[in-house]
PDB file of N, CA and C in Angstrom:
ATOM      1  N   MET A   1     117.894  62.473 123.105  1.00  0.00           N
ATOM      2  CA  MET A   1     116.525  62.443 122.674  1.00  0.00           C
ATOM      3  C   MET A   1     116.125  63.826 122.156  1.00  0.00           C
ATOM      4  N   PRO A   2     116.068  64.043 120.860  1.00  0.00           N
ATOM      5  CA  PRO A   2     115.615  65.344 120.373  1.00  0.00           C
ATOM      6  C   PRO A   2     114.148  65.549 120.736  1.00  0.00           C
ATOM      7  N   ALA A   3     113.831  66.738 121.178  1.00  0.00           N
ATOM      8  CA  ALA A   3     112.464  67.013 121.609  1.00  0.00           C
ATOM      9  C   ALA A   3     111.956  68.312 121.008  1.00  0.00           C
ATOM     10  N   GLY A   4     112.373  68.656 119.828  1.00  0.00           N
ATOM     11  CA  GLY A   4     111.901  69.880 119.197  1.00  0.00           C
ATOM     12  C   GLY A   4     112.637  71.113 119.675  1.00  0.00           C
ATOM     13  N   SER A   5     112.479  71.453 120.937  1.00  0.00           N
ATOM     14  CA  SER A   5     113.068  72.687 121.443  1.00  0.00           C
ATOM     15  C   SER A   5     114.392  72.464 122.177  1.00  0.00           C
ATOM     16  N   MET A   6     114.777  71.194 122.339  1.00  0.00           N
ATOM     17  CA  MET A   6     116.029  70.898 123.035  1.00  0.00           C
ATOM     18  C   MET A   6     116.454  69.476 122.718  1.00  0.00           C
ATOM     19  N   LEU A   7     117.661  69.154 123.103  1.00  0.00           N
ATOM     20  CA  LEU A   7     118.154  67.785 123.028  1.00  0.00           C
ATOM     21  C   LEU A   7     118.427  67.359 124.465  1.00  0.00           C
ATOM     22  N   LEU A   8     117.989  66.158 124.822  1.00  0.00           N
ATOM     23  CA  LEU A   8     118.219  65.650 126.175  1.00  0.00           C
ATOM     24  C   LEU A   8     119.122  64.430 126.093  1.00  0.00           C
ATOM     25  N   GLN A   9     120.187  64.454 126.865  1.00  0.00           N
ATOM     26  CA  GLN A   9     121.046  63.286 127.018  1.00  0.00           C
ATOM     27  C   GLN A   9     120.897  62.832 128.461  1.00  0.00           C
ATOM     28  N   ALA A  10     120.653  61.539 128.648  1.00  0.00           N
ATOM     29  CA  ALA A  10     120.432  61.022 130.001  1.00  0.00           C
ATOM     30  C   ALA A  10     121.122  59.681 130.149  1.00  0.00           C
ATOM     31  N   ARG A  11     121.616  59.425 131.372  1.00  0.00           N
ATOM     32  CA  ARG A  11     122.231  58.122 131.642  1.00  0.00           C
ATOM     33  C   ARG A  11     122.147  57.819 133.123  1.00  0.00           C
ATOM     34  N   ASP A  12     122.084  56.532 133.402  1.00  0.00           N
ATOM     35  CA  ASP A  12     122.095  56.045 134.776  1.00  0.00           C
ATOM     36  C   ASP A  12     123.556  55.920 135.191  1.00  0.00           C
ATOM     37  N   ARG A  13     123.951  56.626 136.248  1.00  0.00           N
ATOM     38  CA  ARG A  13     125.348  56.580 136.688  1.00  0.00           C
ATOM     39  C   ARG A  13     125.715  55.219 137.255  1.00  0.00           C
ATOM     40  N   GLY A  14     124.783  54.580 137.939  1.00  0.00           N
ATOM     41  CA  GLY A  14     125.050  53.273 138.520  1.00  0.00           C
ATOM     42  C   GLY A  14     126.067  53.289 139.644  1.00  0.00           C
ATOM     43  N   ASP A  15     126.200  54.429 140.330  1.00  0.00           N
ATOM     44  CA  ASP A  15     127.193  54.540 141.395  1.00  0.00           C
ATOM     45  C   ASP A  15     126.592  54.494 142.794  1.00  0.00           C
ATOM     46  N   GLY A  16     125.275  54.322 142.881  1.00  0.00           N
ATOM     47  CA  GLY A  16     124.633  54.241 144.181  1.00  0.00           C
ATOM     48  C   GLY A  16     124.287  55.587 144.788  1.00  0.00           C
ATOM     49  N   ASP A  17     124.752  56.675 144.207  1.00  0.00           N
ATOM     50  CA  ASP A  17     124.422  58.011 144.699  1.00  0.00           C
ATOM     51  C   ASP A  17     122.999  58.342 144.261  1.00  0.00           C
ATOM     52  N   ALA A  18     122.175  58.818 145.175  1.00  0.00           N
ATOM     53  CA  ALA A  18     120.771  59.072 144.871  1.00  0.00           C
ATOM     54  C   ALA A  18     120.523  60.450 144.271  1.00  0.00           C
ATOM     55  N   GLY A  19     121.564  61.251 144.107  1.00  0.00           N
ATOM     56  CA  GLY A  19     121.387  62.594 143.555  1.00  0.00           C
ATOM     57  C   GLY A  19     121.085  62.571 142.063  1.00  0.00           C
ATOM     58  N   ILE A  20     120.434  63.626 141.602  1.00  0.00           N
ATOM     59  CA  ILE A  20     120.158  63.803 140.176  1.00  0.00           C
ATOM     60  C   ILE A  20     121.111  64.875 139.673  1.00  0.00           C
ATOM     61  N   GLY A  21     121.890  64.531 138.663  1.00  0.00           N
ATOM     62  CA  GLY A  21     122.812  65.494 138.070  1.00  0.00           C
ATOM     63  C   GLY A  21     122.181  66.154 136.857  1.00  0.00           C
ATOM     64  N   VAL A  22     122.356  67.469 136.738  1.00  0.00           N
ATOM     65  CA  VAL A  22     121.780  68.203 135.620  1.00  0.00           C
ATOM     66  C   VAL A  22     122.819  69.172 135.081  1.00  0.00           C
ATOM     67  N   GLY A  23     122.955  69.204 133.754  1.00  0.00           N
ATOM     68  CA  GLY A  23     123.851  70.136 133.096  1.00  0.00           C
ATOM     69  C   GLY A  23     123.140  70.799 131.933  1.00  0.00           C
ATOM     70  N   PHE A  24     123.645  71.957 131.519  1.00  0.00           N
ATOM     71  CA  PHE A  24     123.026  72.732 130.451  1.00  0.00           C
ATOM     72  C   PHE A  24     124.104  73.238 129.525  1.00  0.00           C
ATOM     73  N   THR A  25     123.792  73.280 128.231  1.00  0.00           N
ATOM     74  CA  THR A  25     124.738  73.841 127.291  1.00  0.00           C
ATOM     75  C   THR A  25     123.991  74.428 126.100  1.00  0.00           C
ATOM     76  N   CYS A  26     124.551  75.495 125.580  1.00  0.00           N
ATOM     77  CA  CYS A  26     124.048  76.121 124.360  1.00  0.00           C
ATOM     78  C   CYS A  26     125.269  76.584 123.571  1.00  0.00           C
ATOM     79  N   SER A  27     125.425  76.079 122.371  1.00  0.00           N
ATOM     80  CA  SER A  27     126.579  76.465 121.565  1.00  0.00           C
ATOM     81  C   SER A  27     126.327  77.821 120.899  1.00  0.00           C
ATOM     82  N   LYS A  28     127.329  78.310 120.221  1.00  0.00           N
ATOM     83  CA  LYS A  28     127.189  79.589 119.533  1.00  0.00           C
ATOM     84  C   LYS A  28     126.178  79.519 118.396  1.00  0.00           C
ATOM     85  N   LYS A  29     125.818  78.309 117.994  1.00  0.00           N
ATOM     86  CA  LYS A  29     124.782  78.158 116.964  1.00  0.00           C
ATOM     87  C   LYS A  29     123.436  78.674 117.455  1.00  0.00           C
ATOM     88  N   VAL A  30     123.240  78.694 118.777  1.00  0.00           N
ATOM     89  CA  VAL A  30     121.984  79.171 119.354  1.00  0.00           C
ATOM     90  C   VAL A  30     121.854  80.675 119.152  1.00  0.00           C
ATOM     91  N   GLY A  31     122.967  81.378 119.097  1.00  0.00           N
ATOM     92  CA  GLY A  31     122.930  82.824 118.885  1.00  0.00           C
ATOM     93  C   GLY A  31     124.006  83.513 119.692  1.00  0.00           C
ATOM     94  N   ASN A  32     123.837  84.819 119.857  1.00  0.00           N
ATOM     95  CA  ASN A  32     124.820  85.583 120.621  1.00  0.00           C
ATOM     96  C   ASN A  32     124.691  85.261 122.109  1.00  0.00           C
ATOM     97  N   ALA A  33     125.509  85.898 122.928  1.00  0.00           N
ATOM     98  CA  ALA A  33     125.539  85.591 124.360  1.00  0.00           C
ATOM     99  C   ALA A  33     124.188  85.821 125.025  1.00  0.00           C
ATOM    100  N   VAL A  34     123.485  86.848 124.612  1.00  0.00           N
ATOM    101  CA  VAL A  34     122.176  87.137 125.203  1.00  0.00           C
ATOM    102  C   VAL A  34     121.204  86.000 124.898  1.00  0.00           C
ATOM    103  N   ALA A  35     121.178  85.534 123.661  1.00  0.00           N
ATOM    104  CA  ALA A  35     120.275  84.437 123.269  1.00  0.00           C
ATOM    105  C   ALA A  35     120.658  83.139 123.973  1.00  0.00           C
ATOM    106  N   ARG A  36     121.955  82.852 124.076  1.00  0.00           N
ATOM    107  CA  ARG A  36     122.402  81.629 124.758  1.00  0.00           C
ATOM    108  C   ARG A  36     122.032  81.651 126.226  1.00  0.00           C
ATOM    109  N   ASN A  37     122.239  82.789 126.879  1.00  0.00           N
ATOM    110  CA  ASN A  37     121.909  82.891 128.298  1.00  0.00           C
ATOM    111  C   ASN A  37     120.411  82.784 128.537  1.00  0.00           C
ATOM    112  N   ARG A  38     119.615  83.368 127.664  1.00  0.00           N
ATOM    113  CA  ARG A  38     118.156  83.253 127.804  1.00  0.00           C
ATOM    114  C   ARG A  38     117.729  81.798 127.644  1.00  0.00           C
ATOM    115  N   ALA A  39     118.294  81.122 126.660  1.00  0.00           N
ATOM    116  CA  ALA A  39     117.957  79.711 126.438  1.00  0.00           C
ATOM    117  C   ALA A  39     118.359  78.877 127.649  1.00  0.00           C
ATOM    118  N   LYS A  40     119.545  79.120 128.203  1.00  0.00           N
ATOM    119  CA  LYS A  40     119.981  78.353 129.377  1.00  0.00           C
ATOM    120  C   LYS A  40     119.129  78.644 130.604  1.00  0.00           C
ATOM    121  N   ARG A  41     118.719  79.884 130.788  1.00  0.00           N
ATOM    122  CA  ARG A  41     117.828  80.216 131.916  1.00  0.00           C
ATOM    123  C   ARG A  41     116.510  79.468 131.799  1.00  0.00           C
ATOM    124  N   ARG A  42     115.975  79.406 130.579  1.00  0.00           N
ATOM    125  CA  ARG A  42     114.710  78.686 130.368  1.00  0.00           C
ATOM    126  C   ARG A  42     114.904  77.190 130.603  1.00  0.00           C
ATOM    127  N   LEU A  43     116.031  76.637 130.158  1.00  0.00           N
ATOM    128  CA  LEU A  43     116.291  75.215 130.378  1.00  0.00           C
ATOM    129  C   LEU A  43     116.451  74.908 131.862  1.00  0.00           C
ATOM    130  N   ARG A  44     117.144  75.787 132.592  1.00  0.00           N
ATOM    131  CA  ARG A  44     117.316  75.575 134.035  1.00  0.00           C
ATOM    132  C   ARG A  44     115.975  75.541 134.754  1.00  0.00           C
ATOM    133  N   GLU A  45     115.098  76.478 134.436  1.00  0.00           N
ATOM    134  CA  GLU A  45     113.796  76.522 135.098  1.00  0.00           C
ATOM    135  C   GLU A  45     112.944  75.330 134.682  1.00  0.00           C
ATOM    136  N   ALA A  46     112.992  74.953 133.418  1.00  0.00           N
ATOM    137  CA  ALA A  46     112.231  73.781 132.958  1.00  0.00           C
ATOM    138  C   ALA A  46     112.719  72.526 133.672  1.00  0.00           C
ATOM    139  N   ALA A  47     114.025  72.385 133.832  1.00  0.00           N
ATOM    140  CA  ALA A  47     114.576  71.219 134.531  1.00  0.00           C
ATOM    141  C   ALA A  47     114.134  71.217 135.985  1.00  0.00           C
ATOM    142  N   ARG A  48     114.110  72.373 136.625  1.00  0.00           N
ATOM    143  CA  ARG A  48     113.668  72.459 138.015  1.00  0.00           C
ATOM    144  C   ARG A  48     112.221  71.990 138.152  1.00  0.00           C
ATOM    145  N   VAL A  49     111.377  72.411 137.216  1.00  0.00           N
ATOM    146  CA  VAL A  49     109.958  72.071 137.264  1.00  0.00           C
ATOM    147  C   VAL A  49     109.726  70.592 136.940  1.00  0.00           C
ATOM    148  N   VAL A  50     110.357  70.086 135.896  1.00  0.00           N
ATOM    149  CA  VAL A  50     110.056  68.746 135.380  1.00  0.00           C
ATOM    150  C   VAL A  50     110.841  67.652 136.085  1.00  0.00           C
ATOM    151  N   LEU A  51     112.147  67.844 136.267  1.00  0.00           N
ATOM    152  CA  LEU A  51     112.970  66.764 136.812  1.00  0.00           C
ATOM    153  C   LEU A  51     112.702  66.515 138.293  1.00  0.00           C
ATOM    154  N   GLY A  52     112.123  67.469 138.976  1.00  0.00           N
ATOM    155  CA  GLY A  52     111.744  67.246 140.366  1.00  0.00           C
ATOM    156  C   GLY A  52     110.741  66.108 140.502  1.00  0.00           C
ATOM    157  N   GLY A  53     109.901  65.943 139.491  1.00  0.00           N
ATOM    158  CA  GLY A  53     108.895  64.896 139.535  1.00  0.00           C
ATOM    159  C   GLY A  53     109.217  63.680 138.679  1.00  0.00           C
ATOM    160  N   LEU A  54     109.881  63.896 137.546  1.00  0.00           N
ATOM    161  CA  LEU A  54     110.140  62.792 136.616  1.00  0.00           C
ATOM    162  C   LEU A  54     111.581  62.278 136.641  1.00  0.00           C
ATOM    163  N   GLY A  55     112.493  63.069 137.182  1.00  0.00           N
ATOM    164  CA  GLY A  55     113.896  62.644 137.224  1.00  0.00           C
ATOM    165  C   GLY A  55     114.079  61.457 138.155  1.00  0.00           C
ATOM    166  N   ARG A  56     114.986  60.578 137.793  1.00  0.00           N
ATOM    167  CA  ARG A  56     115.252  59.393 138.614  1.00  0.00           C
ATOM    168  C   ARG A  56     116.538  59.578 139.408  1.00  0.00           C
ATOM    169  N   PRO A  57     116.516  59.168 140.675  1.00  0.00           N
ATOM    170  CA  PRO A  57     117.738  59.236 141.479  1.00  0.00           C
ATOM    171  C   PRO A  57     118.851  58.409 140.830  1.00  0.00           C
ATOM    172  N   GLY A  58     120.050  58.959 140.858  1.00  0.00           N
ATOM    173  CA  GLY A  58     121.197  58.254 140.286  1.00  0.00           C
ATOM    174  C   GLY A  58     121.379  58.477 138.794  1.00  0.00           C
ATOM    175  N   TRP A  59     120.601  59.368 138.204  1.00  0.00           N
ATOM    176  CA  TRP A  59     120.713  59.658 136.774  1.00  0.00           C
ATOM    177  C   TRP A  59     121.329  61.035 136.563  1.00  0.00           C
ATOM    178  N   ASP A  60     122.006  61.195 135.432  1.00  0.00           N
ATOM    179  CA  ASP A  60     122.520  62.491 134.982  1.00  0.00           C
ATOM    180  C   ASP A  60     121.743  62.902 133.742  1.00  0.00           C
ATOM    181  N   TYR A  61     121.431  64.187 133.647  1.00  0.00           N
ATOM    182  CA  TYR A  61     120.706  64.738 132.502  1.00  0.00           C
ATOM    183  C   TYR A  61     121.478  65.942 131.979  1.00  0.00           C
ATOM    184  N   VAL A  62     121.600  66.035 130.663  1.00  0.00           N
ATOM    185  CA  VAL A  62     122.194  67.209 130.029  1.00  0.00           C
ATOM    186  C   VAL A  62     121.171  67.739 129.032  1.00  0.00           C
ATOM    187  N   LEU A  63     120.821  69.000 129.174  1.00  0.00           N
ATOM    188  CA  LEU A  63     119.881  69.647 128.261  1.00  0.00           C
ATOM    189  C   LEU A  63     120.668  70.553 127.336  1.00  0.00           C
ATOM    190  N   VAL A  64     120.494  70.348 126.050  1.00  0.00           N
ATOM    191  CA  VAL A  64     121.221  71.102 125.030  1.00  0.00           C
ATOM    192  C   VAL A  64     120.227  72.002 124.303  1.00  0.00           C
ATOM    193  N   GLY A  65     120.478  73.301 124.344  1.00  0.00           N
ATOM    194  CA  GLY A  65     119.601  74.259 123.676  1.00  0.00           C
ATOM    195  C   GLY A  65     119.756  74.191 122.171  1.00  0.00           C
ATOM    196  N   ARG A  66     118.664  74.488 121.472  1.00  0.00           N
ATOM    197  CA  ARG A  66     118.665  74.477 120.013  1.00  0.00           C
ATOM    198  C   ARG A  66     118.334  75.871 119.496  1.00  0.00           C
ATOM    199  N   ARG A  67     118.875  76.172 118.325  1.00  0.00           N
ATOM    200  CA  ARG A  67     118.713  77.498 117.738  1.00  0.00           C
ATOM    201  C   ARG A  67     117.244  77.877 117.631  1.00  0.00           C
ATOM    202  N   ASP A  68     116.931  79.071 118.050  1.00  0.00           N
ATOM    203  CA  ASP A  68     115.591  79.670 118.025  1.00  0.00           C
ATOM    204  C   ASP A  68     114.573  78.887 118.847  1.00  0.00           C
ATOM    205  N   ALA A  69     114.549  77.585 118.723  1.00  0.00           N
ATOM    206  CA  ALA A  69     113.491  76.785 119.341  1.00  0.00           C
ATOM    207  C   ALA A  69     113.477  76.913 120.861  1.00  0.00           C
ATOM    208  N   THR A  70     114.631  76.864 121.507  1.00  0.00           N
ATOM    209  CA  THR A  70     114.662  76.883 122.977  1.00  0.00           C
ATOM    210  C   THR A  70     114.213  78.234 123.523  1.00  0.00           C
ATOM    211  N   ALA A  71     114.682  79.300 122.942  1.00  0.00           N
ATOM    212  CA  ALA A  71     114.372  80.627 123.455  1.00  0.00           C
ATOM    213  C   ALA A  71     112.979  81.099 123.061  1.00  0.00           C
ATOM    214  N   LEU A  72     112.459  80.620 121.931  1.00  0.00           N
ATOM    215  CA  LEU A  72     111.204  81.152 121.413  1.00  0.00           C
ATOM    216  C   LEU A  72     109.994  80.247 121.626  1.00  0.00           C
ATOM    217  N   ARG A  73     110.229  79.010 122.020  1.00  0.00           N
ATOM    218  CA  ARG A  73     109.124  78.053 122.190  1.00  0.00           C
ATOM    219  C   ARG A  73     108.226  78.507 123.340  1.00  0.00           C
ATOM    220  N   PRO A  74     106.904  78.455 123.171  1.00  0.00           N
ATOM    221  CA  PRO A  74     106.018  78.798 124.300  1.00  0.00           C
ATOM    222  C   PRO A  74     106.349  77.924 125.517  1.00  0.00           C
ATOM    223  N   TRP A  75     106.236  78.528 126.700  1.00  0.00           N
ATOM    224  CA  TRP A  75     106.686  77.890 127.938  1.00  0.00           C
ATOM    225  C   TRP A  75     106.053  76.523 128.162  1.00  0.00           C
ATOM    226  N   ASP A  76     104.739  76.413 128.018  1.00  0.00           N
ATOM    227  CA  ASP A  76     104.066  75.135 128.249  1.00  0.00           C
ATOM    228  C   ASP A  76     104.535  74.070 127.267  1.00  0.00           C
ATOM    229  N   ASP A  77     104.803  74.474 126.021  1.00  0.00           N
ATOM    230  CA  ASP A  77     105.305  73.531 125.024  1.00  0.00           C
ATOM    231  C   ASP A  77     106.719  73.071 125.365  1.00  0.00           C
ATOM    232  N   LEU A  78     107.534  73.993 125.879  1.00  0.00           N
ATOM    233  CA  LEU A  78     108.896  73.641 126.290  1.00  0.00           C
ATOM    234  C   LEU A  78     108.856  72.604 127.414  1.00  0.00           C
ATOM    235  N   LEU A  79     107.981  72.808 128.388  1.00  0.00           N
ATOM    236  CA  LEU A  79     107.846  71.845 129.484  1.00  0.00           C
ATOM    237  C   LEU A  79     107.360  70.491 128.968  1.00  0.00           C
ATOM    238  N   ASP A  80     106.397  70.502 128.056  1.00  0.00           N
ATOM    239  CA  ASP A  80     105.904  69.248 127.471  1.00  0.00           C
ATOM    240  C   ASP A  80     107.008  68.526 126.709  1.00  0.00           C
ATOM    241  N   ASP A  81     107.840  69.285 125.979  1.00  0.00           N
ATOM    242  CA  ASP A  81     108.964  68.681 125.250  1.00  0.00           C
ATOM    243  C   ASP A  81     109.910  67.970 126.211  1.00  0.00           C
ATOM    244  N   LEU A  82     110.218  68.620 127.329  1.00  0.00           N
ATOM    245  CA  LEU A  82     111.131  68.020 128.293  1.00  0.00           C
ATOM    246  C   LEU A  82     110.502  66.793 128.952  1.00  0.00           C
ATOM    247  N   ARG A  83     109.246  66.882 129.321  1.00  0.00           N
ATOM    248  CA  ARG A  83     108.569  65.717 129.913  1.00  0.00           C
ATOM    249  C   ARG A  83     108.601  64.523 128.966  1.00  0.00           C
ATOM    250  N   ARG A  84     108.297  64.773 127.701  1.00  0.00           N
ATOM    251  CA  ARG A  84     108.287  63.713 126.690  1.00  0.00           C
ATOM    252  C   ARG A  84     109.683  63.110 126.529  1.00  0.00           C
ATOM    253  N   ALA A  85     110.709  63.971 126.509  1.00  0.00           N
ATOM    254  CA  ALA A  85     112.078  63.494 126.339  1.00  0.00           C
ATOM    255  C   ALA A  85     112.528  62.652 127.537  1.00  0.00           C
ATOM    256  N   VAL A  86     112.167  63.076 128.746  1.00  0.00           N
ATOM    257  CA  VAL A  86     112.556  62.326 129.951  1.00  0.00           C
ATOM    258  C   VAL A  86     111.869  60.953 129.951  1.00  0.00           C
ATOM    259  N   ARG A  87     110.605  60.924 129.611  1.00  0.00           N
ATOM    260  CA  ARG A  87     109.886  59.646 129.572  1.00  0.00           C
ATOM    261  C   ARG A  87     110.517  58.704 128.542  1.00  0.00           C
ATOM    262  N   ARG A  88     110.897  59.242 127.389  1.00  0.00           N
ATOM    263  CA  ARG A  88     111.553  58.425 126.362  1.00  0.00           C
ATOM    264  C   ARG A  88     112.902  57.903 126.844  1.00  0.00           C
ATOM    265  N   ALA A  89     113.635  58.735 127.559  1.00  0.00           N
ATOM    266  CA  ALA A  89     114.951  58.324 128.048  1.00  0.00           C
ATOM    267  C   ALA A  89     114.838  57.192 129.056  1.00  0.00           C
ATOM    268  N   HIS A  90     113.732  57.133 129.789  1.00  0.00           N
ATOM    269  CA  HIS A  90     113.563  56.120 130.829  1.00  0.00           C
ATOM    270  C   HIS A  90     112.927  54.834 130.318  1.00  0.00           C
ATOM    271  N   ARG A  91     112.560  54.789 129.058  1.00  0.00           N
ATOM    272  CA  ARG A  91     111.992  53.543 128.515  1.00  0.00           C
ATOM    273  C   ARG A  91     113.033  52.473 128.418  1.00  0.00           C
TER     274      ARG A  91
END
């Protein structure tokens, strides 16, 4: 689910485990190592804030950083993007 500042991939594992799996990735297209690490740090914190309330038990989520958008997007907008993407994934 593209959400402007990130791409979200989500799936129901269907294995009966109630845990929520979360992964993060940023390719070299995002920028140098400093830019990639900053983008991943922001994605990790956004996932902690949003998936605690909207994430479903037994689902896996992968957040993919996008060039410039992930690192430079205002924080509240980044959180809104993730919330919107999670809601779309659960439809």
